[in-house]
Amino acid sequence: MKKKKEESLSSSESPLSFLSLPHDIVFNTLARIPRTSYPNLSLVSKSFRSLLSSLASRPHDHSSEDPRSTSTSA
């Protein structure tokens, strides 16, 4: 009986999610994925699909790219 109670407690805990990260981190990460992959990624969940559609409607912004990729002259 005790084991069954432990199982029900662990199943009621919500798992950590990619979508629980701060929005700027999520958008920055997804912005690095080719838009051609969005249809496959949209199958993950409804909330992920909604996030991808909002990201796809934004114009591509190079300012969110990795700052190490920009060259600076010293």
PDB file of N, CA and C in Angstrom:
ATOM      1  N   MET A   1       0.817  -1.211   0.000  1.00  0.00           N
ATOM      2  CA  MET A   1       0.000   0.000   0.000  1.00  0.00           C
ATOM      3  C   MET A   1       0.850   1.260   0.000  1.00  0.00           C
ATOM      4  N   LYS A   2       1.899   1.245   0.787  1.00  0.00           N
ATOM      5  CA  LYS A   2       2.734   2.436   0.878  1.00  0.00           C
ATOM      6  C   LYS A   2       3.348   2.780  -0.481  1.00  0.00           C
ATOM      7  N   LYS A   3       3.764   1.764  -1.220  1.00  0.00           N
ATOM      8  CA  LYS A   3       4.374   1.998  -2.526  1.00  0.00           C
ATOM      9  C   LYS A   3       3.378   2.651  -3.475  1.00  0.00           C
ATOM     10  N   LYS A   4       2.136   2.214  -3.451  1.00  0.00           N
ATOM     11  CA  LYS A   4       1.119   2.788  -4.328  1.00  0.00           C
ATOM     12  C   LYS A   4       0.895   4.264  -3.997  1.00  0.00           C
ATOM     13  N   LYS A   5       0.918   4.603  -2.716  1.00  0.00           N
ATOM     14  CA  LYS A   5       0.738   5.993  -2.307  1.00  0.00           C
ATOM     15  C   LYS A   5       1.894   6.848  -2.818  1.00  0.00           C
ATOM     16  N   GLU A   6       3.119   6.341  -2.741  1.00  0.00           N
ATOM     17  CA  GLU A   6       4.281   7.073  -3.241  1.00  0.00           C
ATOM     18  C   GLU A   6       4.180   7.302  -4.740  1.00  0.00           C
ATOM     19  N   GLU A   7       3.701   6.304  -5.480  1.00  0.00           N
ATOM     20  CA  GLU A   7       3.545   6.441  -6.922  1.00  0.00           C
ATOM     21  C   GLU A   7       2.547   7.529  -7.268  1.00  0.00           C
ATOM     22  N   SER A   8       1.436   7.581  -6.537  1.00  0.00           N
ATOM     23  CA  SER A   8       0.427   8.588  -6.843  1.00  0.00           C
ATOM     24  C   SER A   8       0.931   9.991  -6.522  1.00  0.00           C
ATOM     25  N   LEU A   9       1.756  10.123  -5.503  1.00  0.00           N
ATOM     26  CA  LEU A   9       2.322  11.432  -5.180  1.00  0.00           C
ATOM     27  C   LEU A   9       3.296  11.888  -6.258  1.00  0.00           C
ATOM     28  N   SER A  10       4.137  10.975  -6.726  1.00  0.00           N
ATOM     29  CA  SER A  10       5.116  11.366  -7.734  1.00  0.00           C
ATOM     30  C   SER A  10       4.455  11.648  -9.077  1.00  0.00           C
ATOM     31  N   SER A  11       3.348  10.989  -9.376  1.00  0.00           N
ATOM     32  CA  SER A  11       2.673  11.234 -10.646  1.00  0.00           C
ATOM     33  C   SER A  11       1.901  12.547 -10.633  1.00  0.00           C
ATOM     34  N   SER A  12       1.583  13.060  -9.438  1.00  0.00           N
ATOM     35  CA  SER A  12       0.848  14.319  -9.366  1.00  0.00           C
ATOM     36  C   SER A  12       1.775  15.528  -9.461  1.00  0.00           C
ATOM     37  N   GLU A  13       3.082  15.317  -9.273  1.00  0.00           N
ATOM     38  CA  GLU A  13       4.027  16.418  -9.405  1.00  0.00           C
ATOM     39  C   GLU A  13       4.145  16.803 -10.874  1.00  0.00           C
ATOM     40  N   SER A  14       4.194  18.095 -11.143  1.00  0.00           N
ATOM     41  CA  SER A  14       4.315  18.512 -12.531  1.00  0.00           C
ATOM     42  C   SER A  14       5.783  18.500 -12.936  1.00  0.00           C
ATOM     43  N   PRO A  15       6.097  17.941 -14.097  1.00  0.00           N
ATOM     44  CA  PRO A  15       7.486  17.888 -14.543  1.00  0.00           C
ATOM     45  C   PRO A  15       7.961  19.271 -14.991  1.00  0.00           C
ATOM     46  N   LEU A  16       9.256  19.475 -14.927  1.00  0.00           N
ATOM     47  CA  LEU A  16       9.810  20.727 -15.426  1.00  0.00           C
ATOM     48  C   LEU A  16       9.645  20.760 -16.933  1.00  0.00           C
ATOM     49  N   SER A  17       9.437  21.917 -17.456  1.00  0.00           N
ATOM     50  CA  SER A  17       9.158  22.062 -18.871  1.00  0.00           C
ATOM     51  C   SER A  17      10.050  23.121 -19.485  1.00  0.00           C
ATOM     52  N   PHE A  18      10.330  22.954 -20.762  1.00  0.00           N
ATOM     53  CA  PHE A  18      11.057  23.964 -21.530  1.00  0.00           C
ATOM     54  C   PHE A  18      10.307  25.283 -21.475  1.00  0.00           C
ATOM     55  N   LEU A  19       8.987  25.207 -21.467  1.00  0.00           N
ATOM     56  CA  LEU A  19       8.164  26.411 -21.462  1.00  0.00           C
ATOM     57  C   LEU A  19       8.130  27.095 -20.103  1.00  0.00           C
ATOM     58  N   SER A  20       8.684  26.456 -19.069  1.00  0.00           N
ATOM     59  CA  SER A  20       8.736  27.105 -17.761  1.00  0.00           C
ATOM     60  C   SER A  20       9.959  28.006 -17.622  1.00  0.00           C
ATOM     61  N   LEU A  21      10.833  27.985 -18.618  1.00  0.00           N
ATOM     62  CA  LEU A  21      11.992  28.878 -18.623  1.00  0.00           C
ATOM     63  C   LEU A  21      11.539  30.306 -18.899  1.00  0.00           C
ATOM     64  N   PRO A  22      12.369  31.295 -18.571  1.00  0.00           N
ATOM     65  CA  PRO A  22      12.017  32.685 -18.913  1.00  0.00           C
ATOM     66  C   PRO A  22      11.796  32.840 -20.419  1.00  0.00           C
ATOM     67  N   HIS A  23      10.827  33.679 -20.781  1.00  0.00           N
ATOM     68  CA  HIS A  23      10.436  33.824 -22.184  1.00  0.00           C
ATOM     69  C   HIS A  23      11.593  34.238 -23.086  1.00  0.00           C
ATOM     70  N   ASP A  24      12.466  35.118 -22.627  1.00  0.00           N
ATOM     71  CA  ASP A  24      13.559  35.552 -23.489  1.00  0.00           C
ATOM     72  C   ASP A  24      14.521  34.409 -23.800  1.00  0.00           C
ATOM     73  N   ILE A  25      14.719  33.491 -22.863  1.00  0.00           N
ATOM     74  CA  ILE A  25      15.571  32.327 -23.115  1.00  0.00           C
ATOM     75  C   ILE A  25      14.897  31.385 -24.099  1.00  0.00           C
ATOM     76  N   VAL A  26      13.605  31.170 -23.931  1.00  0.00           N
ATOM     77  CA  VAL A  26      12.861  30.293 -24.842  1.00  0.00           C
ATOM     78  C   VAL A  26      12.891  30.858 -26.258  1.00  0.00           C
ATOM     79  N   PHE A  27      12.586  32.151 -26.404  1.00  0.00           N
ATOM     80  CA  PHE A  27      12.578  32.761 -27.733  1.00  0.00           C
ATOM     81  C   PHE A  27      13.968  32.765 -28.357  1.00  0.00           C
ATOM     82  N   ASN A  28      14.993  33.045 -27.563  1.00  0.00           N
ATOM     83  CA  ASN A  28      16.353  33.057 -28.086  1.00  0.00           C
ATOM     84  C   ASN A  28      16.757  31.667 -28.563  1.00  0.00           C
ATOM     85  N   THR A  29      16.384  30.645 -27.814  1.00  0.00           N
ATOM     86  CA  THR A  29      16.697  29.270 -28.198  1.00  0.00           C
ATOM     87  C   THR A  29      15.955  28.867 -29.463  1.00  0.00           C
ATOM     88  N   LEU A  30      14.661  29.147 -29.510  1.00  0.00           N
ATOM     89  CA  LEU A  30      13.869  28.764 -30.682  1.00  0.00           C
ATOM     90  C   LEU A  30      14.249  29.568 -31.920  1.00  0.00           C
ATOM     91  N   ALA A  31      14.742  30.784 -31.737  1.00  0.00           N
ATOM     92  CA  ALA A  31      15.150  31.607 -32.875  1.00  0.00           C
ATOM     93  C   ALA A  31      16.344  31.003 -33.606  1.00  0.00           C
ATOM     94  N   ARG A  32      17.067  30.140 -32.953  1.00  0.00           N
ATOM     95  CA  ARG A  32      18.238  29.500 -33.560  1.00  0.00           C
ATOM     96  C   ARG A  32      17.874  28.237 -34.351  1.00  0.00           C
ATOM     97  N   ILE A  33      16.636  27.815 -34.240  1.00  0.00           N
ATOM     98  CA  ILE A  33      16.174  26.628 -34.957  1.00  0.00           C
ATOM     99  C   ILE A  33      15.621  27.060 -36.309  1.00  0.00           C
ATOM    100  N   PRO A  34      15.977  26.360 -37.382  1.00  0.00           N
ATOM    101  CA  PRO A  34      15.450  26.739 -38.701  1.00  0.00           C
ATOM    102  C   PRO A  34      13.922  26.684 -38.723  1.00  0.00           C
ATOM    103  N   ARG A  35      13.326  27.676 -39.360  1.00  0.00           N
ATOM    104  CA  ARG A  35      11.859  27.726 -39.430  1.00  0.00           C
ATOM    105  C   ARG A  35      11.278  26.529 -40.177  1.00  0.00           C
ATOM    106  N   THR A  36      12.089  25.880 -40.985  1.00  0.00           N
ATOM    107  CA  THR A  36      11.609  24.683 -41.687  1.00  0.00           C
ATOM    108  C   THR A  36      11.335  23.536 -40.712  1.00  0.00           C
ATOM    109  N   SER A  37      11.878  23.622 -39.506  1.00  0.00           N
ATOM    110  CA  SER A  37      11.649  22.591 -38.484  1.00  0.00           C
ATOM    111  C   SER A  37      10.409  22.863 -37.648  1.00  0.00           C
ATOM    112  N   TYR A  38       9.818  24.045 -37.763  1.00  0.00           N
ATOM    113  CA  TYR A  38       8.661  24.417 -36.948  1.00  0.00           C
ATOM    114  C   TYR A  38       7.468  23.469 -37.101  1.00  0.00           C
ATOM    115  N   PRO A  39       7.146  23.012 -38.313  1.00  0.00           N
ATOM    116  CA  PRO A  39       5.997  22.085 -38.414  1.00  0.00           C
ATOM    117  C   PRO A  39       6.175  20.824 -37.564  1.00  0.00           C
ATOM    118  N   ASN A  40       7.368  20.265 -37.556  1.00  0.00           N
ATOM    119  CA  ASN A  40       7.610  19.081 -36.723  1.00  0.00           C
ATOM    120  C   ASN A  40       7.579  19.433 -35.244  1.00  0.00           C
ATOM    121  N   LEU A  41       8.166  20.559 -34.878  1.00  0.00           N
ATOM    122  CA  LEU A  41       8.188  20.968 -33.474  1.00  0.00           C
ATOM    123  C   LEU A  41       6.803  21.324 -32.957  1.00  0.00           C
ATOM    124  N   SER A  42       5.927  21.764 -33.845  1.00  0.00           N
ATOM    125  CA  SER A  42       4.581  22.149 -33.409  1.00  0.00           C
ATOM    126  C   SER A  42       3.767  20.946 -32.935  1.00  0.00           C
ATOM    127  N   LEU A  43       4.241  19.751 -33.214  1.00  0.00           N
ATOM    128  CA  LEU A  43       3.546  18.536 -32.782  1.00  0.00           C
ATOM    129  C   LEU A  43       3.815  18.193 -31.319  1.00  0.00           C
ATOM    130  N   VAL A  44       4.721  18.904 -30.675  1.00  0.00           N
ATOM    131  CA  VAL A  44       5.078  18.614 -29.284  1.00  0.00           C
ATOM    132  C   VAL A  44       3.884  18.811 -28.360  1.00  0.00           C
ATOM    133  N   SER A  45       3.252  19.976 -28.436  1.00  0.00           N
ATOM    134  CA  SER A  45       2.087  20.259 -27.599  1.00  0.00           C
ATOM    135  C   SER A  45       1.377  21.493 -28.135  1.00  0.00           C
ATOM    136  N   LYS A  46       0.182  21.737 -27.640  1.00  0.00           N
ATOM    137  CA  LYS A  46      -0.576  22.916 -28.071  1.00  0.00           C
ATOM    138  C   LYS A  46       0.126  24.204 -27.662  1.00  0.00           C
ATOM    139  N   SER A  47       0.658  24.229 -26.454  1.00  0.00           N
ATOM    140  CA  SER A  47       1.336  25.447 -26.001  1.00  0.00           C
ATOM    141  C   SER A  47       2.627  25.679 -26.782  1.00  0.00           C
ATOM    142  N   PHE A  48       3.316  24.614 -27.141  1.00  0.00           N
ATOM    143  CA  PHE A  48       4.531  24.740 -27.947  1.00  0.00           C
ATOM    144  C   PHE A  48       4.170  25.233 -29.346  1.00  0.00           C
ATOM    145  N   ARG A  49       3.073  24.720 -29.899  1.00  0.00           N
ATOM    146  CA  ARG A  49       2.606  25.164 -31.216  1.00  0.00           C
ATOM    147  C   ARG A  49       2.272  26.651 -31.194  1.00  0.00           C
ATOM    148  N   SER A  50       1.611  27.091 -30.147  1.00  0.00           N
ATOM    149  CA  SER A  50       1.264  28.500 -30.003  1.00  0.00           C
ATOM    150  C   SER A  50       2.520  29.363 -29.906  1.00  0.00           C
ATOM    151  N   LEU A  51       3.483  28.901 -29.154  1.00  0.00           N
ATOM    152  CA  LEU A  51       4.743  29.623 -29.014  1.00  0.00           C
ATOM    153  C   LEU A  51       5.461  29.734 -30.355  1.00  0.00           C
ATOM    154  N   LEU A  52       5.512  28.642 -31.093  1.00  0.00           N
ATOM    155  CA  LEU A  52       6.169  28.656 -32.401  1.00  0.00           C
ATOM    156  C   LEU A  52       5.454  29.566 -33.384  1.00  0.00           C
ATOM    157  N   SER A  53       4.126  29.578 -33.352  1.00  0.00           N
ATOM    158  CA  SER A  53       3.396  30.443 -34.281  1.00  0.00           C
ATOM    159  C   SER A  53       3.622  31.910 -33.945  1.00  0.00           C
ATOM    160  N   SER A  54       3.741  32.239 -32.662  1.00  0.00           N
ATOM    161  CA  SER A  54       4.024  33.630 -32.305  1.00  0.00           C
ATOM    162  C   SER A  54       5.449  34.005 -32.692  1.00  0.00           C
ATOM    163  N   LEU A  55       6.364  33.066 -32.599  1.00  0.00           N
ATOM    164  CA  LEU A  55       7.743  33.323 -33.000  1.00  0.00           C
ATOM    165  C   LEU A  55       7.850  33.439 -34.517  1.00  0.00           C
ATOM    166  N   ALA A  56       7.103  32.608 -35.241  1.00  0.00           N
ATOM    167  CA  ALA A  56       7.146  32.635 -36.702  1.00  0.00           C
ATOM    168  C   ALA A  56       6.572  33.925 -37.261  1.00  0.00           C
ATOM    169  N   SER A  57       5.669  34.558 -36.535  1.00  0.00           N
ATOM    170  CA  SER A  57       5.067  35.797 -37.025  1.00  0.00           C
ATOM    171  C   SER A  57       5.986  37.000 -36.826  1.00  0.00           C
ATOM    172  N   ARG A  58       7.026  36.831 -36.022  1.00  0.00           N
ATOM    173  CA  ARG A  58       7.992  37.913 -35.815  1.00  0.00           C
ATOM    174  C   ARG A  58       8.994  37.946 -36.962  1.00  0.00           C
ATOM    175  N   PRO A  59       9.448  39.132 -37.337  1.00  0.00           N
ATOM    176  CA  PRO A  59      10.523  39.190 -38.336  1.00  0.00           C
ATOM    177  C   PRO A  59      11.808  38.649 -37.722  1.00  0.00           C
ATOM    178  N   HIS A  60      12.662  38.069 -38.550  1.00  0.00           N
ATOM    179  CA  HIS A  60      13.916  37.508 -38.059  1.00  0.00           C
ATOM    180  C   HIS A  60      14.800  38.641 -37.559  1.00  0.00           C
ATOM    181  N   ASP A  61      15.265  38.525 -36.330  1.00  0.00           N
ATOM    182  CA  ASP A  61      16.066  39.576 -35.706  1.00  0.00           C
ATOM    183  C   ASP A  61      17.455  39.031 -35.410  1.00  0.00           C
ATOM    184  N   HIS A  62      18.446  39.562 -36.090  1.00  0.00           N
ATOM    185  CA  HIS A  62      19.814  39.092 -35.891  1.00  0.00           C
ATOM    186  C   HIS A  62      20.422  39.600 -34.593  1.00  0.00           C
ATOM    187  N   SER A  63      19.798  40.559 -33.939  1.00  0.00           N
ATOM    188  CA  SER A  63      20.362  41.097 -32.702  1.00  0.00           C
ATOM    189  C   SER A  63      20.293  40.098 -31.560  1.00  0.00           C
ATOM    190  N   SER A  64      19.455  39.070 -31.675  1.00  0.00           N
ATOM    191  CA  SER A  64      19.351  38.074 -30.612  1.00  0.00           C
ATOM    192  C   SER A  64      20.352  36.941 -30.788  1.00  0.00           C
ATOM    193  N   GLU A  65      21.172  37.015 -31.833  1.00  0.00           N
ATOM    194  CA  GLU A  65      22.137  35.958 -32.078  1.00  0.00           C
ATOM    195  C   GLU A  65      23.288  36.033 -31.092  1.00  0.00           C
ATOM    196  N   ASP A  66      24.083  35.006 -31.083  1.00  0.00           N
ATOM    197  CA  ASP A  66      25.211  34.889 -30.178  1.00  0.00           C
ATOM    198  C   ASP A  66      26.191  36.038 -30.398  1.00  0.00           C
ATOM    199  N   PRO A  67      26.490  36.814 -29.373  1.00  0.00           N
ATOM    200  CA  PRO A  67      27.391  37.953 -29.549  1.00  0.00           C
ATOM    201  C   PRO A  67      28.802  37.536 -29.933  1.00  0.00           C
ATOM    202  N   ARG A  68      29.174  36.295 -29.682  1.00  0.00           N
ATOM    203  CA  ARG A  68      30.508  35.828 -30.067  1.00  0.00           C
ATOM    204  C   ARG A  68      30.643  35.720 -31.572  1.00  0.00           C
ATOM    205  N   SER A  69      29.511  35.667 -32.294  1.00  0.00           N
ATOM    206  CA  SER A  69      29.574  35.527 -33.747  1.00  0.00           C
ATOM    207  C   SER A  69      29.813  36.857 -34.450  1.00  0.00           C
ATOM    208  N   THR A  70      29.686  37.972 -33.744  1.00  0.00           N
ATOM    209  CA  THR A  70      29.937  39.274 -34.353  1.00  0.00           C
ATOM    210  C   THR A  70      31.392  39.636 -34.169  1.00  0.00           C
ATOM    211  N   SER A  71      31.958  40.246 -35.167  1.00  0.00           N
ATOM    212  CA  SER A  71      33.369  40.611 -35.072  1.00  0.00           C
ATOM    213  C   SER A  71      33.498  42.053 -34.616  1.00  0.00           C
ATOM    214  N   THR A  72      34.486  42.287 -33.785  1.00  0.00           N
ATOM    215  CA  THR A  72      34.770  43.645 -33.340  1.00  0.00           C
ATOM    216  C   THR A  72      36.234  43.923 -33.598  1.00  0.00           C
ATOM    217  N   SER A  73      36.523  45.127 -33.980  1.00  0.00           N
ATOM    218  CA  SER A  73      37.920  45.471 -34.218  1.00  0.00           C
ATOM    219  C   SER A  73      38.483  46.151 -32.987  1.00  0.00           C
ATOM    220  N   ALA A  74      39.671  45.691 -32.568  1.00  0.00           N
ATOM    221  CA  ALA A  74      40.274  46.244 -31.355  1.00  0.00           C
ATOM    222  C   ALA A  74      41.451  47.117 -31.677  1.00  0.00           C
TER     223      ALA A  74
END
